[in-house]
PDB file of all heavy atoms in Angstrom:
ATOM      1  N   LEU A   1      -3.515  15.704   7.086  1.00  0.00           N
ATOM      2  CA  LEU A   1      -2.286  14.867   7.154  1.00  0.00           C
ATOM      3  C   LEU A   1      -2.524  13.525   6.527  1.00  0.00           C
ATOM      4  O   LEU A   1      -1.653  12.980   5.871  1.00  0.00           O
ATOM      5  CB  LEU A   1      -1.800  14.766   8.598  1.00  0.00           C
ATOM      6  CG  LEU A   1      -0.494  13.946   8.788  1.00  0.00           C
ATOM      7  CD1 LEU A   1       0.644  14.597   8.011  1.00  0.00           C
ATOM      8  CD2 LEU A   1      -0.133  13.808  10.234  1.00  0.00           C
ATOM      9  N   LEU A   2      -3.662  12.903   6.824  1.00  0.00           N
ATOM     10  CA  LEU A   2      -3.926  11.544   6.302  1.00  0.00           C
ATOM     11  C   LEU A   2      -3.885  11.543   4.750  1.00  0.00           C
ATOM     12  O   LEU A   2      -3.314  10.675   4.142  1.00  0.00           O
ATOM     13  CB  LEU A   2      -5.276  11.019   6.793  1.00  0.00           C
ATOM     14  CG  LEU A   2      -5.442  10.789   8.293  1.00  0.00           C
ATOM     15  CD1 LEU A   2      -6.757  10.080   8.569  1.00  0.00           C
ATOM     16  CD2 LEU A   2      -4.288  10.013   8.873  1.00  0.00           C
ATOM     17  N   GLU A   3      -4.500  12.608   4.175  1.00  0.00           N
ATOM     18  CA  GLU A   3      -4.545  12.682   2.698  1.00  0.00           C
ATOM     19  C   GLU A   3      -3.072  12.891   2.175  1.00  0.00           C
ATOM     20  O   GLU A   3      -2.710  12.335   1.143  1.00  0.00           O
ATOM     21  CB  GLU A   3      -5.384  13.839   2.319  1.00  0.00           C
ATOM     22  CG  GLU A   3      -6.889  13.667   2.513  1.00  0.00           C
ATOM     23  CD  GLU A   3      -7.313  13.836   3.988  1.00  0.00           C
ATOM     24  OE1 GLU A   3      -6.455  14.302   4.763  1.00  0.00           O
ATOM     25  OE2 GLU A   3      -8.431  13.520   4.331  1.00  0.00           O
ATOM     26  N   GLU A   4      -2.276  13.648   2.912  1.00  0.00           N
ATOM     27  CA  GLU A   4      -0.936  13.931   2.502  1.00  0.00           C
ATOM     28  C   GLU A   4      -0.077  12.656   2.539  1.00  0.00           C
ATOM     29  O   GLU A   4       0.665  12.309   1.618  1.00  0.00           O
ATOM     30  CB  GLU A   4      -0.330  15.003   3.357  1.00  0.00           C
ATOM     31  CG  GLU A   4       1.033  15.514   2.895  1.00  0.00           C
ATOM     32  CD  GLU A   4       1.601  16.623   3.779  1.00  0.00           C
ATOM     33  OE1 GLU A   4       0.979  16.942   4.806  1.00  0.00           O
ATOM     34  OE2 GLU A   4       2.634  17.155   3.424  1.00  0.00           O
ATOM     35  N   VAL A   5      -0.247  11.896   3.639  1.00  0.00           N
ATOM     36  CA  VAL A   5       0.497  10.661   3.749  1.00  0.00           C
ATOM     37  C   VAL A   5       0.071   9.634   2.747  1.00  0.00           C
ATOM     38  O   VAL A   5       0.864   8.938   2.102  1.00  0.00           O
ATOM     39  CB  VAL A   5       0.373  10.080   5.208  1.00  0.00           C
ATOM     40  CG1 VAL A   5       0.924   8.684   5.317  1.00  0.00           C
ATOM     41  CG2 VAL A   5       1.080  11.031   6.195  1.00  0.00           C
ATOM     42  N   LEU A   6      -1.237   9.527   2.509  1.00  0.00           N
ATOM     43  CA  LEU A   6      -1.759   8.567   1.565  1.00  0.00           C
ATOM     44  C   LEU A   6      -1.193   8.901   0.141  1.00  0.00           C
ATOM     45  O   LEU A   6      -0.811   7.955  -0.610  1.00  0.00           O
ATOM     46  CB  LEU A   6      -3.269   8.627   1.522  1.00  0.00           C
ATOM     47  CG  LEU A   6      -4.009   7.646   0.556  1.00  0.00           C
ATOM     48  CD1 LEU A   6      -3.587   6.249   0.772  1.00  0.00           C
ATOM     49  CD2 LEU A   6      -5.499   7.820   0.723  1.00  0.00           C
ATOM     50  N   ALA A   7      -1.175  10.132  -0.221  1.00  0.00           N
ATOM     51  CA  ALA A   7      -0.650  10.542  -1.514  1.00  0.00           C
ATOM     52  C   ALA A   7       0.813  10.204  -1.634  1.00  0.00           C
ATOM     53  O   ALA A   7       1.264   9.771  -2.726  1.00  0.00           O
ATOM     54  CB  ALA A   7      -0.868  12.039  -1.737  1.00  0.00           C
ATOM     55  N   GLU A   8       1.565  10.315  -0.521  1.00  0.00           N
ATOM     56  CA  GLU A   8       2.981  10.006  -0.540  1.00  0.00           C
ATOM     57  C   GLU A   8       3.251   8.537  -0.740  1.00  0.00           C
ATOM     58  O   GLU A   8       4.116   8.134  -1.520  1.00  0.00           O
ATOM     59  CB  GLU A   8       3.624  10.489   0.775  1.00  0.00           C
ATOM     60  CG  GLU A   8       5.161  10.484   0.767  1.00  0.00           C
ATOM     61  CD  GLU A   8       5.737  11.438  -0.274  1.00  0.00           C
ATOM     62  OE1 GLU A   8       5.114  12.506  -0.477  1.00  0.00           O
ATOM     63  OE2 GLU A   8       6.821  11.118  -0.817  1.00  0.00           O
ATOM     64  N   VAL A   9       2.415   7.689  -0.117  1.00  0.00           N
ATOM     65  CA  VAL A   9       2.593   6.228  -0.243  1.00  0.00           C
ATOM     66  C   VAL A   9       2.140   5.813  -1.665  1.00  0.00           C
ATOM     67  O   VAL A   9       2.752   4.903  -2.248  1.00  0.00           O
ATOM     68  CB  VAL A   9       1.778   5.488   0.840  1.00  0.00           C
ATOM     69  CG1 VAL A   9       1.844   3.979   0.616  1.00  0.00           C
ATOM     70  CG2 VAL A   9       2.312   5.842   2.225  1.00  0.00           C
ATOM     71  N   ARG A  10       1.115   6.421  -2.168  1.00  0.00           N
ATOM     72  CA  ARG A  10       0.733   6.125  -3.567  1.00  0.00           C
ATOM     73  C   ARG A  10       1.851   6.447  -4.564  1.00  0.00           C
ATOM     74  O   ARG A  10       2.051   5.813  -5.550  1.00  0.00           O
ATOM     75  CB  ARG A  10      -0.545   6.851  -3.924  1.00  0.00           C
ATOM     76  CG  ARG A  10      -1.776   6.233  -3.307  1.00  0.00           C
ATOM     77  CD  ARG A  10      -3.020   7.172  -3.534  1.00  0.00           C
ATOM     78  NE  ARG A  10      -4.234   6.487  -3.069  1.00  0.00           N
ATOM     79  CZ  ARG A  10      -5.402   7.065  -2.867  1.00  0.00           C
ATOM     80  NH1 ARG A  10      -5.470   8.402  -3.115  1.00  0.00           N
ATOM     81  NH2 ARG A  10      -6.475   6.439  -2.405  1.00  0.00           N
ATOM     82  N   ALA A  11       2.578   7.452  -4.236  1.00  0.00           N
ATOM     83  CA  ALA A  11       3.755   7.816  -5.104  1.00  0.00           C
ATOM     84  C   ALA A  11       4.882   6.852  -4.960  1.00  0.00           C
ATOM     85  O   ALA A  11       5.551   6.514  -5.964  1.00  0.00           O
ATOM     86  CB  ALA A  11       4.217   9.257  -4.741  1.00  0.00           C
ATOM     87  N   ALA A  12       5.115   6.384  -3.743  1.00  0.00           N
ATOM     88  CA  ALA A  12       6.216   5.404  -3.482  1.00  0.00           C
ATOM     89  C   ALA A  12       6.002   4.724  -2.143  1.00  0.00           C
ATOM     90  O   ALA A  12       5.927   5.423  -1.096  1.00  0.00           O
ATOM     91  CB  ALA A  12       7.555   6.128  -3.499  1.00  0.00           C
ATOM     92  N   PRO A  13       5.909   3.416  -2.102  1.00  0.00           N
ATOM     93  CA  PRO A  13       5.770   2.668  -0.856  1.00  0.00           C
ATOM     94  C   PRO A  13       6.940   2.947   0.095  1.00  0.00           C
ATOM     95  O   PRO A  13       8.032   3.306  -0.359  1.00  0.00           O
ATOM     96  CB  PRO A  13       5.680   1.204  -1.232  1.00  0.00           C
ATOM     97  CG  PRO A  13       5.219   1.245  -2.669  1.00  0.00           C
ATOM     98  CD  PRO A  13       5.847   2.456  -3.235  1.00  0.00           C
ATOM     99  N   GLY A  14       6.760   2.769   1.384  1.00  0.00           N
ATOM    100  CA  GLY A  14       7.857   2.985   2.316  1.00  0.00           C
ATOM    101  C   GLY A  14       7.425   2.778   3.743  1.00  0.00           C
ATOM    102  O   GLY A  14       6.234   2.592   4.052  1.00  0.00           O
ATOM    103  N   THR A  15       8.369   2.839   4.662  1.00  0.00           N
ATOM    104  CA  THR A  15       8.038   2.754   6.097  1.00  0.00           C
ATOM    105  C   THR A  15       7.648   4.179   6.558  1.00  0.00           C
ATOM    106  O   THR A  15       7.771   5.146   5.838  1.00  0.00           O
ATOM    107  CB  THR A  15       9.303   2.321   6.883  1.00  0.00           C
ATOM    108  OG1 THR A  15      10.333   3.297   6.770  1.00  0.00           O
ATOM    109  CG2 THR A  15       9.826   0.986   6.324  1.00  0.00           C
ATOM    110  N   ALA A  16       7.199   4.238   7.817  1.00  0.00           N
ATOM    111  CA  ALA A  16       6.880   5.541   8.359  1.00  0.00           C
ATOM    112  C   ALA A  16       8.049   6.460   8.404  1.00  0.00           C
ATOM    113  O   ALA A  16       7.920   7.669   8.134  1.00  0.00           O
ATOM    114  CB  ALA A  16       6.282   5.355   9.771  1.00  0.00           C
ATOM    115  N   ARG A  17       9.234   5.941   8.633  1.00  0.00           N
ATOM    116  CA  ARG A  17      10.402   6.781   8.706  1.00  0.00           C
ATOM    117  C   ARG A  17      10.774   7.276   7.299  1.00  0.00           C
ATOM    118  O   ARG A  17      11.168   8.435   7.111  1.00  0.00           O
ATOM    119  CB  ARG A  17      11.629   5.945   9.237  1.00  0.00           C
ATOM    120  CG  ARG A  17      11.453   5.637  10.724  1.00  0.00           C
ATOM    121  CD  ARG A  17      12.661   4.892  11.205  1.00  0.00           C
ATOM    122  NE  ARG A  17      12.497   4.341  12.512  1.00  0.00           N
ATOM    123  CZ  ARG A  17      12.655   4.970  13.652  1.00  0.00           C
ATOM    124  NH1 ARG A  17      13.147   6.234  13.612  1.00  0.00           N
ATOM    125  NH2 ARG A  17      12.451   4.431  14.855  1.00  0.00           N
ATOM    126  N   ASP A  18      10.554   6.409   6.277  1.00  0.00           N
ATOM    127  CA  ASP A  18      10.761   6.865   4.868  1.00  0.00           C
ATOM    128  C   ASP A  18       9.880   8.059   4.553  1.00  0.00           C
ATOM    129  O   ASP A  18      10.279   9.050   3.941  1.00  0.00           O
ATOM    130  CB  ASP A  18      10.514   5.744   3.883  1.00  0.00           C
ATOM    131  CG  ASP A  18      11.522   4.551   4.083  1.00  0.00           C
ATOM    132  OD1 ASP A  18      12.625   4.830   4.501  1.00  0.00           O
ATOM    133  OD2 ASP A  18      11.080   3.462   3.739  1.00  0.00           O
ATOM    134  N   ILE A  19       8.558   7.928   4.956  1.00  0.00           N
ATOM    135  CA  ILE A  19       7.616   8.951   4.631  1.00  0.00           C
ATOM    136  C   ILE A  19       7.962  10.232   5.388  1.00  0.00           C
ATOM    137  O   ILE A  19       7.820  11.350   4.841  1.00  0.00           O
ATOM    138  CB  ILE A  19       6.212   8.490   4.948  1.00  0.00           C
ATOM    139  CG1 ILE A  19       5.914   7.245   4.089  1.00  0.00           C
ATOM    140  CG2 ILE A  19       5.174   9.553   4.759  1.00  0.00           C
ATOM    141  CD1 ILE A  19       4.749   6.370   4.523  1.00  0.00           C
ATOM    142  N   GLU A  20       8.366  10.122   6.657  1.00  0.00           N
ATOM    143  CA  GLU A  20       8.779  11.317   7.396  1.00  0.00           C
ATOM    144  C   GLU A  20       9.921  12.062   6.701  1.00  0.00           C
ATOM    145  O   GLU A  20       9.856  13.272   6.574  1.00  0.00           O
ATOM    146  CB  GLU A  20       9.256  10.860   8.782  1.00  0.00           C
ATOM    147  CG  GLU A  20       8.168  10.520   9.741  1.00  0.00           C
ATOM    148  CD  GLU A  20       8.723  10.162  11.127  1.00  0.00           C
ATOM    149  OE1 GLU A  20       9.898  10.424  11.392  1.00  0.00           O
ATOM    150  OE2 GLU A  20       7.968   9.603  11.938  1.00  0.00           O
ATOM    151  N   ARG A  21      10.861  11.308   6.214  1.00  0.00           N
ATOM    152  CA  ARG A  21      12.007  11.964   5.546  1.00  0.00           C
ATOM    153  C   ARG A  21      11.507  12.677   4.273  1.00  0.00           C
ATOM    154  O   ARG A  21      11.990  13.737   3.927  1.00  0.00           O
ATOM    155  CB  ARG A  21      13.100  10.949   5.231  1.00  0.00           C
ATOM    156  CG  ARG A  21      13.893  10.522   6.467  1.00  0.00           C
ATOM    157  CD  ARG A  21      15.171   9.747   6.058  1.00  0.00           C
ATOM    158  NE  ARG A  21      14.825   8.488   5.449  1.00  0.00           N
ATOM    159  CZ  ARG A  21      14.733   7.306   6.125  1.00  0.00           C
ATOM    160  NH1 ARG A  21      14.902   7.312   7.434  1.00  0.00           N
ATOM    161  NH2 ARG A  21      14.422   6.176   5.511  1.00  0.00           N
ATOM    162  N   ARG A  22      10.681  11.950   3.501  1.00  0.00           N
ATOM    163  CA  ARG A  22      10.268  12.523   2.220  1.00  0.00           C
ATOM    164  C   ARG A  22       9.335  13.750   2.422  1.00  0.00           C
ATOM    165  O   ARG A  22       9.447  14.688   1.635  1.00  0.00           O
ATOM    166  CB  ARG A  22       9.489  11.459   1.438  1.00  0.00           C
ATOM    167  CG  ARG A  22      10.383  10.275   1.019  1.00  0.00           C
ATOM    168  CD  ARG A  22       9.855   9.592  -0.222  1.00  0.00           C
ATOM    169  NE  ARG A  22       8.550   9.062  -0.061  1.00  0.00           N
ATOM    170  CZ  ARG A  22       8.183   7.774   0.133  1.00  0.00           C
ATOM    171  NH1 ARG A  22       9.156   6.862   0.305  1.00  0.00           N
ATOM    172  NH2 ARG A  22       6.977   7.397   0.218  1.00  0.00           N
ATOM    173  N   LEU A  23       8.560  13.769   3.459  1.00  0.00           N
ATOM    174  CA  LEU A  23       7.731  14.905   3.768  1.00  0.00           C
ATOM    175  C   LEU A  23       8.449  16.016   4.580  1.00  0.00           C
ATOM    176  O   LEU A  23       7.894  17.079   4.792  1.00  0.00           O
ATOM    177  CB  LEU A  23       6.500  14.456   4.558  1.00  0.00           C
ATOM    178  CG  LEU A  23       5.463  13.598   3.845  1.00  0.00           C
ATOM    179  CD1 LEU A  23       4.340  13.201   4.764  1.00  0.00           C
ATOM    180  CD2 LEU A  23       4.861  14.368   2.628  1.00  0.00           C
ATOM    181  N   GLU A  24       9.696  15.627   4.919  1.00  0.00           N
ATOM    182  CA  GLU A  24      10.466  16.544   5.781  1.00  0.00           C
ATOM    183  C   GLU A  24       9.681  16.978   7.008  1.00  0.00           C
ATOM    184  O   GLU A  24       9.663  18.156   7.404  1.00  0.00           O
ATOM    185  CB  GLU A  24      10.922  17.779   4.982  1.00  0.00           C
ATOM    186  CG  GLU A  24      11.832  17.431   3.773  1.00  0.00           C
ATOM    187  CD  GLU A  24      12.345  18.645   3.044  1.00  0.00           C
ATOM    188  OE1 GLU A  24      11.873  19.758   3.352  1.00  0.00           O
ATOM    189  OE2 GLU A  24      13.263  18.491   2.205  1.00  0.00           O
ATOM    190  N   ALA A  25       8.950  15.988   7.537  1.00  0.00           N
ATOM    191  CA  ALA A  25       8.130  16.260   8.740  1.00  0.00           C
ATOM    192  C   ALA A  25       8.980  16.294   9.969  1.00  0.00           C
ATOM    193  O   ALA A  25       9.966  15.577  10.082  1.00  0.00           O
ATOM    194  CB  ALA A  25       7.068  15.167   8.843  1.00  0.00           C
ATOM    195  N   ASP A  26       8.609  17.146  10.879  1.00  0.00           N
ATOM    196  CA  ASP A  26       9.295  17.251  12.141  1.00  0.00           C
ATOM    197  C   ASP A  26       8.315  17.359  13.281  1.00  0.00           C
ATOM    198  O   ASP A  26       8.214  18.339  13.985  1.00  0.00           O
ATOM    199  CB  ASP A  26      10.211  18.534  12.124  1.00  0.00           C
ATOM    200  CG  ASP A  26      11.078  18.624  13.387  1.00  0.00           C
ATOM    201  OD1 ASP A  26      11.313  17.599  14.004  1.00  0.00           O
ATOM    202  OD2 ASP A  26      11.480  19.742  13.727  1.00  0.00           O
ATOM    203  N   HIS A  27       7.611  16.178  13.420  1.00  0.00           N
ATOM    204  CA  HIS A  27       6.602  16.192  14.496  1.00  0.00           C
ATOM    205  C   HIS A  27       7.154  15.418  15.677  1.00  0.00           C
ATOM    206  O   HIS A  27       7.794  14.370  15.495  1.00  0.00           O
ATOM    207  CB  HIS A  27       5.334  15.458  14.018  1.00  0.00           C
ATOM    208  CG  HIS A  27       4.657  16.165  12.857  1.00  0.00           C
ATOM    209  ND1 HIS A  27       4.056  17.394  13.044  1.00  0.00           N
ATOM    210  CD2 HIS A  27       4.450  15.817  11.563  1.00  0.00           C
ATOM    211  CE1 HIS A  27       3.529  17.769  11.872  1.00  0.00           C
ATOM    212  NE2 HIS A  27       3.767  16.829  11.002  1.00  0.00           N
ATOM    213  N   PRO A  28       6.979  15.884  16.905  1.00  0.00           N
ATOM    214  CA  PRO A  28       7.526  15.181  18.083  1.00  0.00           C
ATOM    215  C   PRO A  28       6.834  13.795  18.253  1.00  0.00           C
ATOM    216  O   PRO A  28       5.697  13.577  17.857  1.00  0.00           O
ATOM    217  CB  PRO A  28       7.181  16.129  19.248  1.00  0.00           C
ATOM    218  CG  PRO A  28       5.959  16.887  18.748  1.00  0.00           C
ATOM    219  CD  PRO A  28       6.183  17.064  17.260  1.00  0.00           C
ATOM    220  N   ARG A  29       7.584  12.918  18.912  1.00  0.00           N
ATOM    221  CA  ARG A  29       7.059  11.587  19.204  1.00  0.00           C
ATOM    222  C   ARG A  29       6.317  11.657  20.545  1.00  0.00           C
ATOM    223  O   ARG A  29       6.738  12.398  21.439  1.00  0.00           O
ATOM    224  CB  ARG A  29       8.145  10.539  19.263  1.00  0.00           C
ATOM    225  CG  ARG A  29       8.806  10.282  17.907  1.00  0.00           C
ATOM    226  CD  ARG A  29       9.900   9.220  17.985  1.00  0.00           C
ATOM    227  NE  ARG A  29      10.443   9.006  16.684  1.00  0.00           N
ATOM    228  CZ  ARG A  29       9.968   8.120  15.824  1.00  0.00           C
ATOM    229  NH1 ARG A  29       8.935   7.399  16.131  1.00  0.00           N
ATOM    230  NH2 ARG A  29      10.513   7.974  14.585  1.00  0.00           N
ATOM    231  N   GLU A  30       5.251  10.860  20.625  1.00  0.00           N
ATOM    232  CA  GLU A  30       4.524  10.788  21.908  1.00  0.00           C
ATOM    233  C   GLU A  30       5.381  10.054  22.920  1.00  0.00           C
ATOM    234  O   GLU A  30       6.100   9.101  22.590  1.00  0.00           O
ATOM    235  CB  GLU A  30       3.189  10.024  21.747  1.00  0.00           C
ATOM    236  CG  GLU A  30       2.095  10.933  21.316  1.00  0.00           C
ATOM    237  CD  GLU A  30       0.745  10.269  21.616  1.00  0.00           C
ATOM    238  OE1 GLU A  30       0.593   9.708  22.673  1.00  0.00           O
ATOM    239  OE2 GLU A  30      -0.141  10.349  20.746  1.00  0.00           O
ATOM    240  N   ARG A  31       5.318  10.453  24.190  1.00  0.00           N
ATOM    241  CA  ARG A  31       6.049   9.788  25.248  1.00  0.00           C
ATOM    242  C   ARG A  31       5.091   9.297  26.347  1.00  0.00           C
ATOM    243  O   ARG A  31       5.524   8.989  27.441  1.00  0.00           O
ATOM    244  CB  ARG A  31       7.030  10.747  25.874  1.00  0.00           C
ATOM    245  CG  ARG A  31       8.099  11.298  24.872  1.00  0.00           C
ATOM    246  CD  ARG A  31       8.960  10.268  24.279  1.00  0.00           C
ATOM    247  NE  ARG A  31       9.901  10.792  23.298  1.00  0.00           N
ATOM    248  CZ  ARG A  31      10.732  10.046  22.599  1.00  0.00           C
ATOM    249  NH1 ARG A  31      10.807   8.757  22.794  1.00  0.00           N
ATOM    250  NH2 ARG A  31      11.523  10.582  21.674  1.00  0.00           N
ATOM    251  N   SER A  32       3.802   9.277  26.028  1.00  0.00           N
ATOM    252  CA  SER A  32       2.802   9.013  27.072  1.00  0.00           C
ATOM    253  C   SER A  32       2.640   7.479  27.382  1.00  0.00           C
ATOM    254  O   SER A  32       2.246   7.166  28.464  1.00  0.00           O
ATOM    255  CB  SER A  32       1.446   9.523  26.645  1.00  0.00           C
ATOM    256  OG  SER A  32       1.018   8.930  25.416  1.00  0.00           O
ATOM    257  N   GLU A  33       3.035   6.607  26.491  1.00  0.00           N
ATOM    258  CA  GLU A  33       2.899   5.166  26.670  1.00  0.00           C
ATOM    259  C   GLU A  33       4.181   4.489  26.383  1.00  0.00           C
ATOM    260  O   GLU A  33       4.711   4.581  25.267  1.00  0.00           O
ATOM    261  CB  GLU A  33       1.748   4.636  25.806  1.00  0.00           C
ATOM    262  CG  GLU A  33       0.371   5.208  26.128  1.00  0.00           C
ATOM    263  CD  GLU A  33      -0.692   4.623  25.202  1.00  0.00           C
ATOM    264  OE1 GLU A  33      -0.625   3.393  24.886  1.00  0.00           O
ATOM    265  OE2 GLU A  33      -1.582   5.427  24.770  1.00  0.00           O
ATOM    266  N   TRP A  34       4.626   3.671  27.296  1.00  0.00           N
ATOM    267  CA  TRP A  34       5.870   2.907  27.107  1.00  0.00           C
ATOM    268  C   TRP A  34       5.712   1.956  25.940  1.00  0.00           C
ATOM    269  O   TRP A  34       4.740   1.265  25.779  1.00  0.00           O
ATOM    270  CB  TRP A  34       6.208   2.081  28.371  1.00  0.00           C
ATOM    271  CG  TRP A  34       7.438   1.242  28.175  1.00  0.00           C
ATOM    272  CD1 TRP A  34       8.722   1.634  28.393  1.00  0.00           C
ATOM    273  CD2 TRP A  34       7.472  -0.096  27.760  1.00  0.00           C
ATOM    274  NE1 TRP A  34       9.530   0.591  28.126  1.00  0.00           N
ATOM    275  CE2 TRP A  34       8.832  -0.512  27.745  1.00  0.00           C
ATOM    276  CE3 TRP A  34       6.502  -1.027  27.386  1.00  0.00           C
ATOM    277  CZ2 TRP A  34       9.230  -1.783  27.351  1.00  0.00           C
ATOM    278  CZ3 TRP A  34       6.919  -2.280  26.989  1.00  0.00           C
ATOM    279  CH2 TRP A  34       8.244  -2.639  26.971  1.00  0.00           C
ATOM    280  N   GLY A  35       6.706   1.969  25.022  1.00  0.00           N
ATOM    281  CA  GLY A  35       6.719   0.995  23.941  1.00  0.00           C
ATOM    282  C   GLY A  35       5.932   1.490  22.733  1.00  0.00           C
ATOM    283  O   GLY A  35       5.983   0.830  21.671  1.00  0.00           O
ATOM    284  N   TRP A  36       5.201   2.618  22.792  1.00  0.00           N
ATOM    285  CA  TRP A  36       4.417   3.056  21.717  1.00  0.00           C
ATOM    286  C   TRP A  36       4.739   4.564  21.394  1.00  0.00           C
ATOM    287  O   TRP A  36       3.835   5.395  21.270  1.00  0.00           O
ATOM    288  CB  TRP A  36       2.901   2.920  21.992  1.00  0.00           C
ATOM    289  CG  TRP A  36       2.538   1.489  22.197  1.00  0.00           C
ATOM    290  CD1 TRP A  36       2.393   0.871  23.401  1.00  0.00           C
ATOM    291  CD2 TRP A  36       2.320   0.500  21.233  1.00  0.00           C
ATOM    292  NE1 TRP A  36       2.104  -0.462  23.208  1.00  0.00           N
ATOM    293  CE2 TRP A  36       2.023  -0.717  21.903  1.00  0.00           C
ATOM    294  CE3 TRP A  36       2.298   0.533  19.815  1.00  0.00           C
ATOM    295  CZ2 TRP A  36       1.698  -1.886  21.178  1.00  0.00           C
ATOM    296  CZ3 TRP A  36       1.994  -0.675  19.123  1.00  0.00           C
ATOM    297  CH2 TRP A  36       1.729  -1.825  19.837  1.00  0.00           C
ATOM    298  N   ASN A  37       6.023   4.871  21.306  1.00  0.00           N
ATOM    299  CA  ASN A  37       6.409   6.238  21.096  1.00  0.00           C
ATOM    300  C   ASN A  37       6.417   6.572  19.617  1.00  0.00           C
ATOM    301  O   ASN A  37       7.454   6.713  19.002  1.00  0.00           O
ATOM    302  CB  ASN A  37       7.828   6.467  21.725  1.00  0.00           C
ATOM    303  CG  ASN A  37       7.788   6.284  23.237  1.00  0.00           C
ATOM    304  OD1 ASN A  37       6.786   6.602  23.871  1.00  0.00           O
ATOM    305  ND2 ASN A  37       8.850   5.732  23.769  1.00  0.00           N
ATOM    306  N   TRP A  38       5.244   6.659  19.095  1.00  0.00           N
ATOM    307  CA  TRP A  38       5.075   6.890  17.662  1.00  0.00           C
ATOM    308  C   TRP A  38       5.213   8.392  17.337  1.00  0.00           C
ATOM    309  O   TRP A  38       4.774   9.234  18.108  1.00  0.00           O
ATOM    310  CB  TRP A  38       3.704   6.435  17.177  1.00  0.00           C
ATOM    311  CG  TRP A  38       3.576   4.932  17.103  1.00  0.00           C
ATOM    312  CD1 TRP A  38       4.548   4.002  17.216  1.00  0.00           C
ATOM    313  CD2 TRP A  38       2.384   4.218  16.863  1.00  0.00           C
ATOM    314  NE1 TRP A  38       4.037   2.777  17.090  1.00  0.00           N
ATOM    315  CE2 TRP A  38       2.696   2.877  16.882  1.00  0.00           C
ATOM    316  CE3 TRP A  38       1.020   4.642  16.680  1.00  0.00           C
ATOM    317  CZ2 TRP A  38       1.717   1.874  16.716  1.00  0.00           C
ATOM    318  CZ3 TRP A  38       0.095   3.632  16.498  1.00  0.00           C
ATOM    319  CH2 TRP A  38       0.417   2.263  16.515  1.00  0.00           C
ATOM    320  N   SER A  39       5.760   8.665  16.165  1.00  0.00           N
ATOM    321  CA  SER A  39       5.631  10.019  15.666  1.00  0.00           C
ATOM    322  C   SER A  39       4.219  10.205  15.074  1.00  0.00           C
ATOM    323  O   SER A  39       3.489   9.278  14.913  1.00  0.00           O
ATOM    324  CB  SER A  39       6.664  10.188  14.540  1.00  0.00           C
ATOM    325  OG  SER A  39       6.274   9.449  13.376  1.00  0.00           O
TER     326      SER A  39
END
C-alpha cells in the first residue's frame, strides 16, 4: 500500500481524501482513538 500511495502522489499531489478517491479505496476508518479516526 505504501508503494501504491507514493506512486499516486508522484503522479499528482493531493490530500489523503483525494488519494482515496483516485485509488477508489474503501478501507474502514479506525474508531479506537478519539480524534484520530484515520482511514
